[in-house]
Amino acid sequence: MTTLFEKYGGFAVISRIVHSYYDKVLDSDQIGDYFESLDMKPLIEHQTKFIASLMGGPASFSNDMLKRVHAGLNISRADFDAVADLLQEALFEHNVEQEDVNSILREIESRSPVIISS
C-alpha cells in the first residue's frame, strides 16, 4: 500500500507545499504575528518533516514534543483553525486530492489538544 508521502512525491513536493503554506501564513493578519520574529528556514524544515510524518513519511513527532514547542504561544482555537485552513489551501494548490486533504487535516486536528492553549 502506498502512503500519501509516496503518492505525492515525498519530501520535494511536501517542501513546496510547506513553502506555499508559509507564504500564506506570513501574509495572514490573524496569525502572521506568531511567525514574525522567527527564523523561517528551520521552521520550514521542521514543518516539512511534520507534514511528511502525517502523510506516512519517515519522520515522527511525539505529542510531548508538539506540546513543548507550542507551549506559551497562547494559540487559540480560532488561530489553530486559521492555520489548518491555510494548510488546506496549500494542499489543494498542489493538487492533493480532497480525500487525502481530509485525511491530513484529521491528523492535524487530532493534535489540537497539545497545540491549542487551554
C-alpha atoms as a PDB file:
ATOM      1  CA  MET A   1       0.000   0.000   0.000  1.00  0.00           C
ATOM      2  CA  THR A   2       1.356   3.407  -0.994  1.00  0.00           C
ATOM      3  CA  THR A   3       1.467   6.132   1.645  1.00  0.00           C
ATOM      4  CA  LEU A   4       0.352   9.678   0.901  1.00  0.00           C
ATOM      5  CA  PHE A   5       4.006  10.629   1.337  1.00  0.00           C
ATOM      6  CA  GLU A   6       4.926   8.352  -1.579  1.00  0.00           C
ATOM      7  CA  LYS A   7       1.810   9.141  -3.618  1.00  0.00           C
ATOM      8  CA  TYR A   8       2.597  12.854  -3.703  1.00  0.00           C
ATOM      9  CA  GLY A   9       6.336  12.661  -4.337  1.00  0.00           C
ATOM     10  CA  GLY A  10       7.985  12.683  -0.933  1.00  0.00           C
ATOM     11  CA  PHE A  11       9.944  15.480   0.667  1.00  0.00           C
ATOM     12  CA  ALA A  12      10.437  17.513  -2.526  1.00  0.00           C
ATOM     13  CA  VAL A  13       6.716  18.036  -3.085  1.00  0.00           C
ATOM     14  CA  ILE A  14       5.896  18.403   0.602  1.00  0.00           C
ATOM     15  CA  SER A  15       8.585  21.084   0.872  1.00  0.00           C
ATOM     16  CA  ARG A  16       6.894  23.040  -1.933  1.00  0.00           C
ATOM     17  CA  ILE A  17       3.535  22.687  -0.180  1.00  0.00           C
ATOM     18  CA  VAL A  18       5.039  23.939   3.085  1.00  0.00           C
ATOM     19  CA  HIS A  19       6.680  26.915   1.350  1.00  0.00           C
ATOM     20  CA  SER A  20       3.302  27.859  -0.172  1.00  0.00           C
ATOM     21  CA  TYR A  21       1.664  27.377   3.196  1.00  0.00           C
ATOM     22  CA  TYR A  22       4.113  29.698   4.988  1.00  0.00           C
ATOM     23  CA  ASP A  23       3.713  32.346   2.282  1.00  0.00           C
ATOM     24  CA  LYS A  24       0.024  32.354   3.220  1.00  0.00           C
ATOM     25  CA  VAL A  25       0.726  32.263   6.959  1.00  0.00           C
ATOM     26  CA  LEU A  26       3.113  35.205   6.824  1.00  0.00           C
ATOM     27  CA  ASP A  27       0.530  37.229   4.846  1.00  0.00           C
ATOM     28  CA  SER A  28      -2.228  36.440   7.337  1.00  0.00           C
ATOM     29  CA  ASP A  29      -3.434  39.304   9.509  1.00  0.00           C
ATOM     30  CA  GLN A  30      -4.727  36.787  12.044  1.00  0.00           C
ATOM     31  CA  ILE A  31      -1.692  34.539  12.557  1.00  0.00           C
ATOM     32  CA  GLY A  32       1.244  36.186  10.793  1.00  0.00           C
ATOM     33  CA  ASP A  33       2.464  37.781  14.037  1.00  0.00           C
ATOM     34  CA  TYR A  34       3.223  34.357  15.525  1.00  0.00           C
ATOM     35  CA  PHE A  35       5.943  33.933  12.911  1.00  0.00           C
ATOM     36  CA  GLU A  36       7.199  37.490  12.543  1.00  0.00           C
ATOM     37  CA  SER A  37      10.434  37.150  14.515  1.00  0.00           C
ATOM     38  CA  LEU A  38      11.208  33.510  13.717  1.00  0.00           C
ATOM     39  CA  ASP A  39      13.993  32.133  11.555  1.00  0.00           C
ATOM     40  CA  MET A  40      11.814  30.583   8.867  1.00  0.00           C
ATOM     41  CA  LYS A  41      14.366  28.184   7.362  1.00  0.00           C
ATOM     42  CA  PRO A  42      14.459  25.742  10.316  1.00  0.00           C
ATOM     43  CA  LEU A  43      10.722  26.177  10.836  1.00  0.00           C
ATOM     44  CA  ILE A  44      10.051  25.205   7.212  1.00  0.00           C
ATOM     45  CA  GLU A  45      12.355  22.194   7.567  1.00  0.00           C
ATOM     46  CA  HIS A  46      10.563  21.028  10.726  1.00  0.00           C
ATOM     47  CA  GLN A  47       7.119  21.634   9.257  1.00  0.00           C
ATOM     48  CA  THR A  48       8.067  19.713   6.117  1.00  0.00           C
ATOM     49  CA  LYS A  49       9.072  16.743   8.273  1.00  0.00           C
ATOM     50  CA  PHE A  50       5.915  17.099  10.356  1.00  0.00           C
ATOM     51  CA  ILE A  51       3.581  17.146   7.336  1.00  0.00           C
ATOM     52  CA  ALA A  52       5.574  14.257   5.856  1.00  0.00           C
ATOM     53  CA  SER A  53       5.017  12.274   9.051  1.00  0.00           C
ATOM     54  CA  LEU A  54       1.265  12.934   8.861  1.00  0.00           C
ATOM     55  CA  MET A  55       1.359  11.570   5.316  1.00  0.00           C
ATOM     56  CA  GLY A  56       3.114   8.334   6.301  1.00  0.00           C
ATOM     57  CA  GLY A  57       6.659   9.544   5.711  1.00  0.00           C
ATOM     58  CA  PRO A  58       9.750   8.633   7.695  1.00  0.00           C
ATOM     59  CA  ALA A  59       9.740  11.492  10.227  1.00  0.00           C
ATOM     60  CA  SER A  60       7.907  11.304  13.538  1.00  0.00           C
ATOM     61  CA  PHE A  61       6.825  13.846  16.121  1.00  0.00           C
ATOM     62  CA  SER A  62       5.550  12.977  19.574  1.00  0.00           C
ATOM     63  CA  ASN A  63       2.685  14.816  21.199  1.00  0.00           C
ATOM     64  CA  ASP A  64       5.053  15.739  24.045  1.00  0.00           C
ATOM     65  CA  MET A  65       7.376  17.449  21.584  1.00  0.00           C
ATOM     66  CA  LEU A  66       4.484  19.290  19.917  1.00  0.00           C
ATOM     67  CA  LYS A  67       3.243  20.438  23.314  1.00  0.00           C
ATOM     68  CA  ARG A  68       6.710  21.732  24.303  1.00  0.00           C
ATOM     69  CA  VAL A  69       7.209  23.590  21.021  1.00  0.00           C
ATOM     70  CA  HIS A  70       3.828  25.326  21.231  1.00  0.00           C
ATOM     71  CA  ALA A  71       3.809  25.960  24.997  1.00  0.00           C
ATOM     72  CA  GLY A  72       3.497  29.598  25.921  1.00  0.00           C
ATOM     73  CA  LEU A  73       2.362  30.710  22.458  1.00  0.00           C
ATOM     74  CA  ASN A  74      -1.257  31.156  23.584  1.00  0.00           C
ATOM     75  CA  ILE A  75      -2.650  29.555  20.451  1.00  0.00           C
ATOM     76  CA  SER A  76      -6.416  29.894  20.329  1.00  0.00           C
ATOM     77  CA  ARG A  77      -8.879  27.590  18.628  1.00  0.00           C
ATOM     78  CA  ALA A  78      -9.501  30.283  16.011  1.00  0.00           C
ATOM     79  CA  ASP A  79      -5.777  30.597  15.297  1.00  0.00           C
ATOM     80  CA  PHE A  80      -5.388  26.819  15.065  1.00  0.00           C
ATOM     81  CA  ASP A  81      -8.299  26.682  12.622  1.00  0.00           C
ATOM     82  CA  ALA A  82      -6.795  29.516  10.547  1.00  0.00           C
ATOM     83  CA  VAL A  83      -3.539  27.562  10.273  1.00  0.00           C
ATOM     84  CA  ALA A  84      -5.430  24.445   9.204  1.00  0.00           C
ATOM     85  CA  ASP A  85      -7.407  26.420   6.614  1.00  0.00           C
ATOM     86  CA  LEU A  86      -4.207  27.816   5.083  1.00  0.00           C
ATOM     87  CA  LEU A  87      -2.654  24.363   5.002  1.00  0.00           C
ATOM     88  CA  GLN A  88      -5.767  23.081   3.235  1.00  0.00           C
ATOM     89  CA  GLU A  89      -5.444  25.846   0.622  1.00  0.00           C
ATOM     90  CA  ALA A  90      -1.778  24.984   0.034  1.00  0.00           C
ATOM     91  CA  LEU A  91      -2.569  21.280  -0.287  1.00  0.00           C
ATOM     92  CA  PHE A  92      -5.283  21.965  -2.875  1.00  0.00           C
ATOM     93  CA  GLU A  93      -2.962  24.298  -4.801  1.00  0.00           C
ATOM     94  CA  HIS A  94      -0.525  21.390  -5.104  1.00  0.00           C
ATOM     95  CA  ASN A  95      -3.216  19.051  -6.419  1.00  0.00           C
ATOM     96  CA  VAL A  96      -3.661  16.943  -3.310  1.00  0.00           C
ATOM     97  CA  GLU A  97      -6.982  15.135  -3.678  1.00  0.00           C
ATOM     98  CA  GLN A  98      -9.916  16.034  -1.403  1.00  0.00           C
ATOM     99  CA  GLU A  99      -9.938  12.660   0.375  1.00  0.00           C
ATOM    100  CA  ASP A 100      -6.213  12.955   1.088  1.00  0.00           C
ATOM    101  CA  VAL A 101      -6.559  16.564   2.281  1.00  0.00           C
ATOM    102  CA  ASN A 102      -9.292  15.396   4.647  1.00  0.00           C
ATOM    103  CA  SER A 103      -7.014  12.661   5.971  1.00  0.00           C
ATOM    104  CA  ILE A 104      -4.149  15.105   6.596  1.00  0.00           C
ATOM    105  CA  LEU A 105      -6.467  17.598   8.291  1.00  0.00           C
ATOM    106  CA  ARG A 106      -7.858  14.843  10.546  1.00  0.00           C
ATOM    107  CA  GLU A 107      -4.279  14.105  11.619  1.00  0.00           C
ATOM    108  CA  ILE A 108      -3.700  17.803  12.315  1.00  0.00           C
ATOM    109  CA  GLU A 109      -6.954  18.038  14.272  1.00  0.00           C
ATOM    110  CA  SER A 110      -6.047  15.002  16.371  1.00  0.00           C
ATOM    111  CA  ARG A 111      -3.087  17.011  17.679  1.00  0.00           C
ATOM    112  CA  SER A 112      -5.110  20.128  18.537  1.00  0.00           C
ATOM    113  CA  PRO A 113      -5.275  19.320  22.277  1.00  0.00           C
ATOM    114  CA  VAL A 114      -1.486  19.570  22.567  1.00  0.00           C
ATOM    115  CA  ILE A 115      -1.165  22.685  20.395  1.00  0.00           C
ATOM    116  CA  ILE A 116      -4.092  24.871  21.489  1.00  0.00           C
ATOM    117  CA  SER A 117      -3.574  26.687  24.782  1.00  0.00           C
ATOM    118  CA  SER A 118      -6.163  25.846  27.384  1.00  0.00           C
END
